[in-house]
């Protein structure tokens, strides 16, 4: 295998330090050179990973660590004729703009650039009336609120049958009372602040939308926040009655979970609706002890997610063990950590050597 004809750019997110190193190093395994742009919100942690790679023996010049303004970096790489690929994790609009720039400059490049992107989601937990509620409650709280919901795979939508909602709500409220939000240096905390002021303002705008009662929204717990010292938002659970609410369709990327309570008789209707409920297709989880339903829902939702979880939370895919990625607006679904991921960045060469040489030009049919 050979590397691509040119360089590859890696644009990393703030919320997953290890994946920043993965985005930059995976293509080097087949002979590529990389330009690594870390998130401006996580420069130090990314730089430490880069220095670790150097200490481990990475040859000089294989990866160039380049903190930069995002728009400037994107403009420079997509105007260089040696641009051969992009390994990206970030927002949908940013990836769309970069892809558009590549398309507009396609005549400039010496090859056709390869584009790989992971862009987040609007992930769901679907609770069936046969579900183990202790499991559903624990998994949902972990998935929705750990790391303050700042995971592309975090649960952002919860679908619960009317018959189970009072019990599940109570179990989640009991857990919520034990969740401690605070300084990361305190080992007893469950989660900490969101990443910056921009994220804080965006998330609380959704909380205030819920507080206004729009879409029949009701805050069940949480809903408070404080930026006097850091950007802290309490884990928040809301319910809505409008299927098209922006709380159920837009990625929030924060500790805000929206629940939709469905009639027990509409179970399969809701499952069908989940297939195309948002523009995303990253992760989803189904909680049910009824094996027939579990298998049916799994098959119905096979096109709705890239990673599906059965009786487990929608987060926690381990790179190298559970290939990860989604389709639709969640990304190109090239499955980081999967068996084909590295091959994406190679330019295979096939060689044929003939040991019995051909010395006759005629076809056998000509005799």
Protein backbone atom coordinates (compact mmCIF):
# COMPACT_ATOMS: atom_id res chain seq x y z
CA UNK A 1 0.00 0.00 0.00
CA UNK A 2 1.08 3.52 -0.77
CA UNK A 3 0.05 6.83 0.73
CA UNK A 4 -2.02 9.31 -1.24
CA UNK A 5 -0.51 11.76 -3.70
CA UNK A 6 -0.14 14.78 -1.47
CA UNK A 7 -0.89 15.62 2.16
CA UNK A 8 -3.90 14.90 4.36
CA UNK A 9 -5.38 17.38 6.81
CA UNK A 10 -6.78 16.31 10.18
CA UNK A 11 -9.22 18.67 11.91
CA UNK A 12 -9.93 17.53 15.45
CA UNK A 13 -12.68 18.35 18.00
CA UNK A 14 -12.29 19.63 21.56
CA UNK A 15 -14.22 16.84 23.24
CA UNK A 16 -12.14 13.74 22.57
CA UNK A 17 -8.41 14.16 23.06
CA UNK A 18 -7.52 10.65 21.92
CA UNK A 19 -9.49 10.92 18.69
CA UNK A 20 -7.46 14.00 17.77
CA UNK A 21 -4.38 11.80 17.80
CA UNK A 22 -6.25 9.08 15.94
CA UNK A 23 -7.35 11.43 13.15
CA UNK A 24 -3.76 12.48 12.60
CA UNK A 25 -2.00 9.15 13.01
CA UNK A 26 -4.24 6.59 11.28
CA UNK A 27 -3.41 7.80 7.73
CA UNK A 28 0.31 7.80 8.51
CA UNK A 29 0.20 4.00 8.93
CA UNK A 30 0.01 3.64 5.16
CA UNK A 31 2.61 6.27 4.33
CA UNK A 32 0.86 9.64 4.43
CA UNK A 33 2.02 12.97 5.84
CA UNK A 34 -0.41 15.00 7.92
CA UNK A 35 -1.31 18.55 8.86
CA UNK A 36 -3.03 18.36 12.25
CA UNK A 37 -5.22 21.30 13.24
CA UNK A 38 -6.34 20.83 16.86
CA UNK A 39 -9.41 22.47 18.35
CA UNK A 40 -8.64 25.95 19.62
CA UNK A 41 -10.54 24.97 22.78
CA UNK A 42 -8.24 22.04 23.52
CA UNK A 43 -4.77 23.08 22.38
CA UNK A 44 -2.74 21.94 25.37
CA UNK A 45 -4.15 18.41 25.61
CA UNK A 46 -3.72 17.93 21.86
CA UNK A 47 -0.16 19.22 21.99
CA UNK A 48 0.66 16.77 24.78
CA UNK A 49 -0.57 13.91 22.57
CA UNK A 50 1.61 15.23 19.74
CA UNK A 51 4.68 15.34 22.00
CA UNK A 52 3.95 11.80 23.19
CA UNK A 53 3.95 10.65 19.55
CA UNK A 54 7.31 12.33 19.05
CA UNK A 55 8.76 10.70 22.16
CA UNK A 56 7.44 7.34 20.96
CA UNK A 57 9.56 7.63 17.83
CA UNK A 58 7.41 9.31 15.22
CA UNK A 59 9.82 10.63 12.55
CA UNK A 60 10.03 14.42 12.17
CA UNK A 61 7.75 15.92 9.56
CA UNK A 62 5.28 13.05 9.35
CA UNK A 63 2.73 15.04 11.37
CA UNK A 64 2.84 18.82 11.56
CA UNK A 65 0.95 20.25 14.55
CA UNK A 66 -0.67 23.48 13.35
CA UNK A 67 -2.93 25.50 15.66
CA UNK A 68 -4.77 27.94 13.42
CA UNK A 69 -7.93 29.89 12.77
CA UNK A 70 -10.40 27.38 11.37
CA UNK A 71 -11.53 29.36 8.34
CA UNK A 72 -7.95 30.31 7.42
CA UNK A 73 -6.74 26.72 7.75
CA UNK A 74 -9.61 25.42 5.62
CA UNK A 75 -9.02 28.02 2.91
CA UNK A 76 -5.30 27.28 2.71
CA UNK A 77 -5.55 23.48 2.49
CA UNK A 78 -8.41 23.45 -0.03
CA UNK A 79 -6.50 25.79 -2.33
CA UNK A 80 -3.31 23.73 -2.37
CA UNK A 81 -2.89 21.43 -5.36
CA UNK A 82 -1.31 18.74 -3.16
CA UNK A 83 -4.38 18.46 -0.91
CA UNK A 84 -5.20 14.74 -0.98
CA UNK A 85 -7.69 14.22 1.83
CA UNK A 86 -9.43 15.42 4.97
CA UNK A 87 -9.99 13.50 8.20
CA UNK A 88 -12.55 15.57 10.09
CA UNK A 89 -14.58 15.56 13.29
CA UNK A 90 -16.77 18.56 13.98
CA UNK A 91 -20.00 20.31 13.03
CA UNK A 92 -22.18 19.69 9.99
CA UNK A 93 -21.91 23.26 8.61
CA UNK A 94 -18.11 23.24 8.86
CA UNK A 95 -17.80 19.92 7.05
CA UNK A 96 -20.27 21.04 4.38
CA UNK A 97 -18.31 24.26 3.80
CA UNK A 98 -15.03 22.37 3.52
CA UNK A 99 -16.51 19.85 1.09
CA UNK A 100 -17.96 22.71 -0.99
CA UNK A 101 -14.54 24.37 -1.11
CA UNK A 102 -12.98 21.11 -2.28
CA UNK A 103 -15.62 20.72 -4.98
CA UNK A 104 -15.08 24.29 -6.19
CA UNK A 105 -11.32 23.75 -6.38
CA UNK A 106 -11.38 20.26 -7.82
CA UNK A 107 -9.66 21.39 -11.01
CA UNK A 108 -6.65 22.57 -8.97
CA UNK A 109 -5.72 19.26 -7.34
CA UNK A 110 -3.36 16.62 -8.66
CA UNK A 111 -5.73 13.89 -7.41
CA UNK A 112 -9.29 13.48 -6.18
CA UNK A 113 -9.22 14.23 -2.43
CA UNK A 114 -10.72 11.69 -0.04
CA UNK A 115 -13.14 13.17 2.48
CA UNK A 116 -13.94 11.48 5.80
CA UNK A 117 -16.12 13.24 8.34
CA UNK A 118 -17.92 12.58 11.64
CA UNK A 119 -20.39 15.30 12.48
CA UNK A 120 -22.52 14.42 15.47
CA UNK A 121 -26.13 13.41 15.87
CA UNK A 122 -29.49 13.59 17.61
CA UNK A 123 -29.28 10.22 19.29
CA UNK A 124 -32.15 8.37 20.92
CA UNK A 125 -33.03 5.92 23.65
CA UNK A 126 -36.25 4.04 22.91
CA UNK A 127 -37.89 2.37 25.91
CA UNK A 128 -40.32 -0.50 25.28
CA UNK A 129 -42.96 -1.48 27.83
CA UNK A 130 -40.97 -4.68 28.53
CA UNK A 131 -37.79 -2.76 29.43
CA UNK A 132 -35.86 -3.11 32.67
CA UNK A 133 -36.40 0.40 34.05
CA UNK A 134 -33.39 0.37 36.36
CA UNK A 135 -31.18 -0.32 33.34
CA UNK A 136 -32.97 2.23 31.16
CA UNK A 137 -32.71 4.94 33.83
CA UNK A 138 -29.02 4.39 34.60
CA UNK A 139 -28.00 4.12 30.95
CA UNK A 140 -30.00 7.19 29.94
CA UNK A 141 -28.56 9.39 32.68
CA UNK A 142 -25.03 8.30 31.82
CA UNK A 143 -25.49 8.75 28.09
CA UNK A 144 -27.28 12.09 28.26
CA UNK A 145 -25.33 13.84 30.99
CA UNK A 146 -21.78 12.46 31.27
CA UNK A 147 -19.23 14.94 29.96
CA UNK A 148 -22.17 17.39 30.13
CA UNK A 149 -23.67 15.89 26.98
CA UNK A 150 -20.69 17.01 24.90
CA UNK A 151 -20.39 13.76 22.99
CA UNK A 152 -21.46 13.20 19.42
CA UNK A 153 -23.06 9.94 20.59
CA UNK A 154 -24.83 11.37 23.68
CA UNK A 155 -28.50 10.56 24.15
CA UNK A 156 -30.53 13.65 23.31
CA UNK A 157 -33.98 12.09 22.75
CA UNK A 158 -35.85 9.72 25.02
CA UNK A 159 -39.02 7.87 23.99
CA UNK A 160 -41.03 6.29 26.79
CA UNK A 161 -44.45 4.58 26.84
CA UNK A 162 -47.09 6.38 28.88
CA UNK A 163 -47.54 3.37 31.17
CA UNK A 164 -43.87 3.47 32.26
CA UNK A 165 -43.21 7.20 32.31
CA UNK A 166 -44.10 7.87 35.98
CA UNK A 167 -41.80 5.08 37.18
CA UNK A 168 -38.92 5.93 34.85
CA UNK A 169 -39.21 9.63 35.62
CA UNK A 170 -39.02 8.90 39.35
CA UNK A 171 -35.96 6.68 38.95
CA UNK A 172 -34.18 9.32 36.88
CA UNK A 173 -35.04 12.05 39.38
CA UNK A 174 -33.57 9.96 42.22
CA UNK A 175 -30.33 9.57 40.24
CA UNK A 176 -30.30 13.25 39.27
CA UNK A 177 -30.32 14.30 42.91
CA UNK A 178 -27.02 12.47 43.38
CA UNK A 179 -25.30 13.97 40.33
CA UNK A 180 -22.59 16.39 41.38
CA UNK A 181 -21.50 19.07 38.91
CA UNK A 182 -18.31 20.95 39.68
CA UNK A 183 -14.57 21.40 39.30
CA UNK A 184 -12.86 18.56 37.43
CA UNK A 185 -10.16 18.48 40.10
CA UNK A 186 -12.77 17.10 42.49
CA UNK A 187 -12.84 13.36 41.90
CA UNK A 188 -16.35 13.00 43.32
CA UNK A 189 -18.06 14.99 40.58
CA UNK A 190 -20.13 13.37 37.84
CA UNK A 191 -19.56 16.09 35.23
CA UNK A 192 -18.19 19.59 34.89
CA UNK A 193 -18.61 22.78 32.87
CA UNK A 194 -19.34 23.00 29.17
CA UNK A 195 -16.42 23.97 26.99
CA UNK A 196 -16.82 27.75 26.49
CA UNK A 197 -19.12 30.77 26.51
CA UNK A 198 -20.45 30.13 23.02
CA UNK A 199 -21.52 26.61 23.93
CA UNK A 200 -23.00 27.86 27.21
CA UNK A 201 -25.12 30.50 25.48
CA UNK A 202 -26.32 28.06 22.82
CA UNK A 203 -27.37 25.41 25.34
CA UNK A 204 -29.18 27.76 27.70
CA UNK A 205 -31.13 29.17 24.74
CA UNK A 206 -32.68 25.71 24.35
CA UNK A 207 -33.37 25.53 28.10
CA UNK A 208 -35.13 28.88 27.97
CA UNK A 209 -37.08 27.71 24.93
CA UNK A 210 -38.30 24.80 27.04
CA UNK A 211 -39.01 27.07 30.02
CA UNK A 212 -41.25 29.23 27.82
CA UNK A 213 -43.54 26.25 27.32
CA UNK A 214 -43.04 26.20 23.56
CA UNK A 215 -44.02 22.88 21.94
CA UNK A 216 -45.77 21.97 25.18
CA UNK A 217 -42.39 21.71 26.89
CA UNK A 218 -42.07 21.11 30.62
CA UNK A 219 -38.86 21.03 32.64
CA UNK A 220 -38.82 17.91 34.82
CA UNK A 221 -35.52 18.59 36.57
CA UNK A 222 -32.49 20.82 36.17
CA UNK A 223 -32.88 23.94 34.06
CA UNK A 224 -30.44 26.01 36.11
CA UNK A 225 -27.06 27.35 35.09
CA UNK A 226 -24.27 29.64 36.32
CA UNK A 227 -21.39 31.30 34.50
CA UNK A 228 -20.02 33.32 37.39
CA UNK A 229 -16.99 31.03 37.52
CA UNK A 230 -16.92 28.65 34.59
CA UNK A 231 -19.79 27.63 32.35
CA UNK A 232 -21.87 25.28 34.47
CA UNK A 233 -25.23 23.86 33.42
CA UNK A 234 -27.15 21.41 35.56
CA UNK A 235 -28.31 18.17 33.87
CA UNK A 236 -31.75 18.98 32.52
CA UNK A 237 -34.69 16.77 31.51
CA UNK A 238 -37.65 18.21 29.63
CA UNK A 239 -40.73 16.74 27.98
CA UNK A 240 -42.43 17.93 24.80
CA UNK A 241 -45.66 17.00 23.04
CA UNK A 242 -44.71 18.29 19.60
CA UNK A 243 -42.86 15.70 17.49
CA UNK A 244 -41.37 18.49 15.34
CA UNK A 245 -40.05 20.50 18.29
CA UNK A 246 -36.52 21.78 17.79
CA UNK A 247 -35.75 20.15 21.13
CA UNK A 248 -36.34 16.80 19.39
CA UNK A 249 -34.74 17.58 16.04
CA UNK A 250 -31.74 19.90 16.52
CA UNK A 251 -28.37 18.87 17.93
CA UNK A 252 -27.80 20.68 21.24
CA UNK A 253 -24.49 19.18 22.40
CA UNK A 254 -25.07 19.82 26.04
CA UNK A 255 -26.67 18.35 29.21
CA UNK A 256 -30.25 18.69 27.95
CA UNK A 257 -32.38 15.59 27.34
CA UNK A 258 -35.80 15.78 25.71
CA UNK A 259 -38.41 13.10 26.41
CA UNK A 260 -41.43 12.27 24.26
CA UNK A 261 -44.13 10.20 25.98
CA UNK A 262 -45.98 7.93 23.55
CA UNK A 263 -49.18 5.93 23.83
CA UNK A 264 -48.45 2.25 24.43
CA UNK A 265 -50.61 1.37 21.43
CA UNK A 266 -48.41 3.49 19.15
CA UNK A 267 -45.18 1.61 19.82
CA UNK A 268 -44.50 0.48 16.26
CA UNK A 269 -45.68 3.81 14.86
CA UNK A 270 -43.04 5.59 16.93
CA UNK A 271 -40.36 3.09 15.87
CA UNK A 272 -41.24 3.71 12.23
CA UNK A 273 -41.11 7.47 12.78
CA UNK A 274 -37.65 7.25 14.33
CA UNK A 275 -36.18 6.10 11.02
CA UNK A 276 -36.50 9.59 9.56
CA UNK A 277 -37.11 11.72 12.63
CA UNK A 278 -33.98 13.88 12.15
CA UNK A 279 -31.32 14.60 9.53
CA UNK A 280 -28.82 12.57 11.57
CA UNK A 281 -27.96 8.88 11.74
CA UNK A 282 -25.32 8.25 14.40
CA UNK A 283 -26.34 6.23 17.48
CA UNK A 284 -29.47 4.86 19.08
CA UNK A 285 -30.43 2.43 21.82
CA UNK A 286 -33.41 0.13 22.34
CA UNK A 287 -34.41 -1.07 25.79
CA UNK A 288 -36.62 -4.17 25.85
CA UNK A 289 -36.73 -7.59 27.44
CA UNK A 290 -39.12 -8.80 24.74
CA UNK A 291 -36.70 -10.45 22.27
CA UNK A 292 -39.20 -10.45 19.42
CA UNK A 293 -39.70 -6.70 19.72
CA UNK A 294 -35.98 -6.09 20.19
CA UNK A 295 -35.18 -7.89 16.95
CA UNK A 296 -38.04 -6.24 15.07
CA UNK A 297 -37.07 -2.74 16.19
CA UNK A 298 -33.41 -3.45 15.42
CA UNK A 299 -34.30 -4.36 11.85
CA UNK A 300 -36.72 -1.45 11.41
CA UNK A 301 -34.07 1.03 12.55
CA UNK A 302 -31.09 -0.44 10.69
CA UNK A 303 -30.91 2.61 8.39
CA UNK A 304 -31.46 5.17 11.14
CA UNK A 305 -28.11 4.80 12.94
CA UNK A 306 -24.52 3.81 12.35
CA UNK A 307 -24.07 2.32 15.83
CA UNK A 308 -27.01 0.61 17.53
CA UNK A 309 -27.14 -0.48 21.16
CA UNK A 310 -29.49 -3.08 22.59
CA UNK A 311 -30.16 -2.64 26.31
CA UNK A 312 -27.12 -0.42 26.62
CA UNK A 313 -26.42 3.31 26.48
CA UNK A 314 -25.84 5.02 23.13
CA UNK A 315 -22.32 6.10 24.11
CA UNK A 316 -19.06 4.30 24.81
CA UNK A 317 -17.87 2.74 21.55
CA UNK A 318 -14.25 1.73 22.12
CA UNK A 319 -11.98 2.57 19.19
CA UNK A 320 -10.41 -0.63 17.94
CA UNK A 321 -13.20 -2.78 19.36
CA UNK A 322 -16.44 -1.16 18.17
CA UNK A 323 -16.00 0.59 14.78
CA UNK A 324 -17.76 3.95 15.09
CA UNK A 325 -19.52 6.32 12.73
CA UNK A 326 -22.85 7.39 11.30
CA UNK A 327 -24.42 8.30 7.99
CA UNK A 328 -26.76 10.99 6.70
CA UNK A 329 -25.68 14.32 8.22
CA UNK A 330 -23.79 12.47 10.95
CA UNK A 331 -20.94 11.85 8.55
CA UNK A 332 -19.46 9.57 5.93
CA UNK A 333 -19.69 6.45 8.15
CA UNK A 334 -16.16 5.27 7.41
CA UNK A 335 -16.09 3.59 10.81
CA UNK A 336 -13.05 4.78 12.75
CA UNK A 337 -11.42 1.79 14.38
CA UNK A 338 -12.82 -0.58 11.78
CA UNK A 339 -10.94 -2.96 9.46
CA UNK A 340 -11.34 -0.73 6.39
CA UNK A 341 -10.60 2.64 7.97
CA UNK A 342 -6.87 2.76 7.27
CA UNK A 343 -7.36 1.47 3.73
CA UNK A 344 -9.38 4.61 3.01
CA UNK A 345 -6.12 6.55 3.16
CA UNK A 346 -4.12 4.27 0.90
CA UNK A 347 -3.50 4.19 -2.83
CA UNK A 348 -3.24 0.45 -3.54
CA UNK A 349 -0.73 -0.72 -6.10
CA UNK A 350 -1.25 -4.02 -7.93
CA UNK A 351 1.77 -5.65 -9.60
CA UNK A 352 1.67 -8.53 -12.08
CA UNK A 353 4.77 -10.49 -12.98
CA UNK A 354 4.49 -13.06 -15.75
CA UNK A 355 6.75 -16.07 -15.33
CA UNK A 356 5.59 -17.78 -18.52
CA UNK A 357 5.98 -15.08 -21.13
CA UNK A 358 3.48 -14.67 -23.97
CA UNK A 359 5.15 -14.88 -27.40
CA UNK A 360 2.10 -15.42 -29.56
CA UNK A 361 -0.10 -12.53 -30.60
CA UNK A 362 -2.91 -14.57 -32.20
CA UNK A 363 -6.14 -15.54 -30.37
CA UNK A 364 -6.70 -19.29 -30.19
CA UNK A 365 -9.94 -18.79 -32.10
CA UNK A 366 -7.98 -17.52 -35.09
CA UNK A 367 -6.41 -20.92 -35.77
